[in-house]
Amino acid sequence: MPFPAAVVSNTIVATGASLGLVGADLTKVAGAIAMTCSTQFLLPGTVQVMATGTAGAGAIGVSTPPTGVVPQAMSNAITLAAASKGLVGTGVARKCVAISTGIVSSLPLLVLTGISPGVGVGAGSGKATLFNAATFYAQLTSTMATYGALGQDRDRWSLAIAEGVCNTLNLSLVVPGFTIIGTPSVAPAATGFLASFM
């Protein structure tokens, strides 16, 4: 399943408009963030999982949508990071609300994928811990430049968004459950492994 980039960008623009933010720059920012998320959210190994069941080898079958991330918490994290970089004011806070609402709107559409090295048939859950703000920032600032967004504030905004998004995901994002489908044996097993979204 492809990442729902259009959901992210459209929600950022719609939320921004509802908060009185309009203009081509918001559309550019929304597009750059959606493109960055479409790569960064699907990087291998961003979710640590634990599975139990019968020994063997299998793959994640059906997973519940990720939960735990509240748009206001992400908005607060981005706003705090922005303020630490000298970006302040009501327009900044409104932009952070629009960005976080757009990003969080995509999370229920993500599906977990991964190979279970020790459990053939079973179930498990997971927690995001490995979203990297440095790689998110590097891609976002480059993508913002490609989109022609934010001008001289591009680097500060990209860093604030990267820090706020990755910190919030690593603190809050959980996958409440998934199944493991594969080749079982009769012995019980438990294993931890890294998975990713698709």
Protein backbone atom coordinates (compact mmCIF):
# COMPACT_ATOMS: atom_id res chain seq x y z
CA MET A 1 0.00 0.00 0.00
CA PRO A 2 1.55 3.35 -0.98
CA PHE A 3 1.95 6.03 1.65
CA PRO A 4 -1.09 8.37 1.69
CA ALA A 5 0.87 11.51 0.74
CA ALA A 6 -2.23 13.23 -0.64
CA VAL A 7 -3.97 12.77 2.71
CA VAL A 8 -1.09 14.54 4.48
CA SER A 9 -0.80 17.46 2.06
CA ASN A 10 -4.56 17.98 1.64
CA THR A 11 -5.14 17.87 5.40
CA ILE A 12 -2.33 20.37 6.07
CA VAL A 13 -3.76 22.78 3.50
CA ALA A 14 -7.38 22.33 4.67
CA THR A 15 -6.47 22.70 8.35
CA GLY A 16 -4.30 25.70 7.57
CA ALA A 17 -7.13 27.35 5.65
CA SER A 18 -9.52 26.74 8.55
CA LEU A 19 -7.00 28.54 10.80
CA GLY A 20 -6.66 31.49 8.42
CA LEU A 21 -3.42 30.36 6.76
CA VAL A 22 -3.63 30.68 3.01
CA GLY A 23 -1.24 31.07 0.12
CA ALA A 24 1.03 29.17 -2.17
CA ASP A 25 3.74 28.73 0.48
CA LEU A 26 1.51 26.56 2.68
CA THR A 27 0.73 24.36 -0.32
CA LYS A 28 4.46 24.02 -1.04
CA VAL A 29 5.22 23.22 2.60
CA ALA A 30 2.41 20.64 2.65
CA GLY A 31 3.74 18.98 -0.50
CA ALA A 32 7.30 18.85 0.82
CA ILE A 33 6.20 17.39 4.16
CA ALA A 34 4.02 14.77 2.45
CA MET A 35 6.89 13.71 0.16
CA THR A 36 9.30 13.49 3.09
CA CYS A 37 6.86 11.46 5.19
CA SER A 38 6.26 9.11 2.24
CA THR A 39 9.93 8.12 2.42
CA GLN A 40 10.78 8.53 6.11
CA PHE A 41 7.72 6.73 7.47
CA LEU A 42 8.48 3.67 5.31
CA LEU A 43 12.17 3.28 6.17
CA PRO A 44 13.03 -0.26 7.30
CA GLY A 45 13.23 -1.01 10.99
CA THR A 46 11.49 2.00 12.53
CA VAL A 47 9.26 -0.12 14.78
CA GLN A 48 10.48 -2.48 17.48
CA VAL A 49 8.09 -5.39 17.93
CA MET A 50 7.68 -8.37 20.21
CA ALA A 51 5.88 -11.49 19.04
CA THR A 52 4.86 -14.69 20.80
CA GLY A 53 3.43 -17.93 19.49
CA THR A 54 4.83 -21.17 18.16
CA ALA A 55 8.44 -21.44 17.04
CA GLY A 56 9.19 -21.22 13.36
CA ALA A 57 9.49 -18.45 10.82
CA GLY A 58 6.76 -16.17 9.59
CA ALA A 59 5.77 -12.72 8.49
CA ILE A 60 3.48 -10.06 9.86
CA GLY A 61 0.02 -10.75 8.49
CA VAL A 62 -2.75 -8.41 9.61
CA SER A 63 -1.86 -5.44 11.83
CA THR A 64 -4.07 -2.99 13.64
CA PRO A 65 -3.55 0.66 12.68
CA PRO A 66 -0.92 2.51 14.67
CA THR A 67 -2.26 4.63 17.51
CA GLY A 68 -1.10 6.79 20.38
CA VAL A 69 -0.14 10.00 18.56
CA VAL A 70 -2.29 13.01 19.41
CA PRO A 71 -2.11 15.93 16.94
CA GLN A 72 -1.89 18.48 19.77
CA ALA A 73 1.12 16.70 21.30
CA MET A 74 2.92 16.74 17.95
CA SER A 75 1.92 20.36 17.38
CA ASN A 76 3.28 21.31 20.80
CA ALA A 77 6.56 19.50 20.07
CA ILE A 78 6.98 21.26 16.71
CA THR A 79 6.03 24.64 18.23
CA LEU A 80 8.57 24.18 21.05
CA ALA A 81 11.29 23.18 18.57
CA ALA A 82 10.38 26.15 16.35
CA ALA A 83 10.60 28.56 19.29
CA SER A 84 14.06 27.22 20.15
CA LYS A 85 15.10 28.24 16.62
CA GLY A 86 13.63 31.74 16.90
CA LEU A 87 10.37 30.99 15.07
CA VAL A 88 7.57 32.44 17.21
CA GLY A 89 4.14 34.03 16.90
CA THR A 90 0.54 33.06 16.30
CA GLY A 91 1.24 32.22 12.67
CA VAL A 92 3.90 29.73 13.78
CA ALA A 93 1.52 28.02 16.21
CA ARG A 94 -1.21 27.78 13.58
CA LYS A 95 1.21 26.35 11.02
CA CYS A 96 2.33 23.74 13.59
CA VAL A 97 -1.29 22.72 14.21
CA ALA A 98 -1.89 22.32 10.46
CA ILE A 99 1.31 20.30 9.97
CA SER A 100 0.69 17.96 12.90
CA THR A 101 -2.96 17.41 11.93
CA GLY A 102 -1.89 16.48 8.41
CA ILE A 103 0.82 14.08 9.51
CA VAL A 104 -1.27 12.37 12.20
CA SER A 105 -4.14 11.91 9.71
CA SER A 106 -1.95 9.49 7.73
CA LEU A 107 -1.00 7.22 10.62
CA PRO A 108 -4.18 5.09 10.78
CA LEU A 109 -3.63 4.25 7.10
CA LEU A 110 -0.18 2.69 7.65
CA VAL A 111 0.24 -1.08 7.64
CA LEU A 112 3.05 -2.87 9.51
CA THR A 113 5.28 -5.28 7.62
CA GLY A 114 8.18 -7.47 8.67
CA ILE A 115 9.66 -10.96 8.91
CA SER A 116 9.52 -12.86 12.19
CA PRO A 117 12.75 -14.81 12.66
CA GLY A 118 11.58 -16.94 15.57
CA VAL A 119 7.77 -17.11 15.64
CA GLY A 120 5.98 -19.07 12.92
CA VAL A 121 2.39 -18.46 14.02
CA GLY A 122 1.42 -16.00 16.71
CA ALA A 123 0.76 -12.39 17.52
CA GLY A 124 2.51 -9.34 18.85
CA SER A 125 2.63 -5.60 19.25
CA GLY A 126 5.13 -2.87 18.52
CA LYS A 127 6.39 0.61 19.34
CA ALA A 128 8.09 3.15 17.14
CA THR A 129 11.51 4.05 18.49
CA LEU A 130 13.80 4.59 15.53
CA PHE A 131 12.46 7.59 13.61
CA ASN A 132 15.57 9.69 13.02
CA ALA A 133 15.27 13.49 13.13
CA ALA A 134 18.59 14.01 11.32
CA THR A 135 17.59 11.98 8.25
CA PHE A 136 14.07 13.46 8.32
CA TYR A 137 15.58 16.97 8.43
CA ALA A 138 18.04 16.29 5.62
CA GLN A 139 15.31 15.06 3.31
CA LEU A 140 12.77 17.71 4.33
CA THR A 141 15.09 20.68 3.83
CA SER A 142 16.11 19.34 0.42
CA THR A 143 12.50 18.70 -0.57
CA MET A 144 11.45 22.14 0.67
CA ALA A 145 14.15 23.66 -1.54
CA THR A 146 12.85 21.67 -4.52
CA TYR A 147 9.32 22.94 -3.81
CA GLY A 148 10.60 26.51 -3.30
CA ALA A 149 9.07 26.66 0.18
CA LEU A 150 9.80 28.91 3.17
CA GLY A 151 12.73 30.87 1.76
CA GLN A 152 15.32 31.91 4.35
CA ASP A 153 13.47 30.14 7.17
CA ARG A 154 13.57 26.78 5.37
CA ASP A 155 16.36 25.25 7.47
CA ARG A 156 14.94 26.38 10.81
CA TRP A 157 11.46 25.16 9.92
CA SER A 158 12.75 21.85 8.55
CA LEU A 159 14.74 21.20 11.71
CA ALA A 160 11.82 22.15 13.99
CA ILE A 161 9.41 19.91 12.05
CA ALA A 162 11.88 17.00 11.99
CA GLU A 163 12.55 17.23 15.72
CA GLY A 164 8.90 17.61 16.68
CA VAL A 165 7.63 14.84 14.40
CA CYS A 166 10.33 12.26 15.19
CA ASN A 167 10.32 12.92 18.94
CA THR A 168 6.53 12.58 19.08
CA LEU A 169 6.48 9.39 17.01
CA ASN A 170 9.24 7.80 19.07
CA LEU A 171 7.47 8.68 22.32
CA SER A 172 3.89 7.85 21.37
CA LEU A 173 3.39 5.68 18.28
CA VAL A 174 2.34 2.10 19.01
CA VAL A 175 1.01 -0.77 16.95
CA PRO A 176 -1.44 -2.42 19.35
CA GLY A 177 -1.48 -5.77 17.61
CA PHE A 178 -0.62 -7.90 14.62
CA THR A 179 -0.65 -11.53 13.59
CA ILE A 180 2.28 -13.69 12.48
CA ILE A 181 1.56 -16.11 9.67
CA GLY A 182 4.12 -18.69 8.64
CA THR A 183 5.45 -22.16 9.30
CA PRO A 184 4.98 -23.24 12.91
CA SER A 185 6.51 -25.98 15.00
CA VAL A 186 5.08 -27.33 18.24
CA ALA A 187 7.44 -25.42 20.56
CA PRO A 188 6.42 -22.07 22.06
CA ALA A 189 8.53 -19.08 21.09
CA ALA A 190 8.97 -15.37 21.63
CA THR A 191 11.09 -12.98 19.64
CA GLY A 192 11.78 -9.33 19.22
CA PHE A 193 12.56 -7.88 15.81
CA LEU A 194 12.39 -4.68 13.78
CA ALA A 195 9.53 -3.98 11.41
CA SER A 196 8.48 -1.09 9.21
CA PHE A 197 5.39 0.47 7.69
CA MET A 198 4.25 0.12 4.12
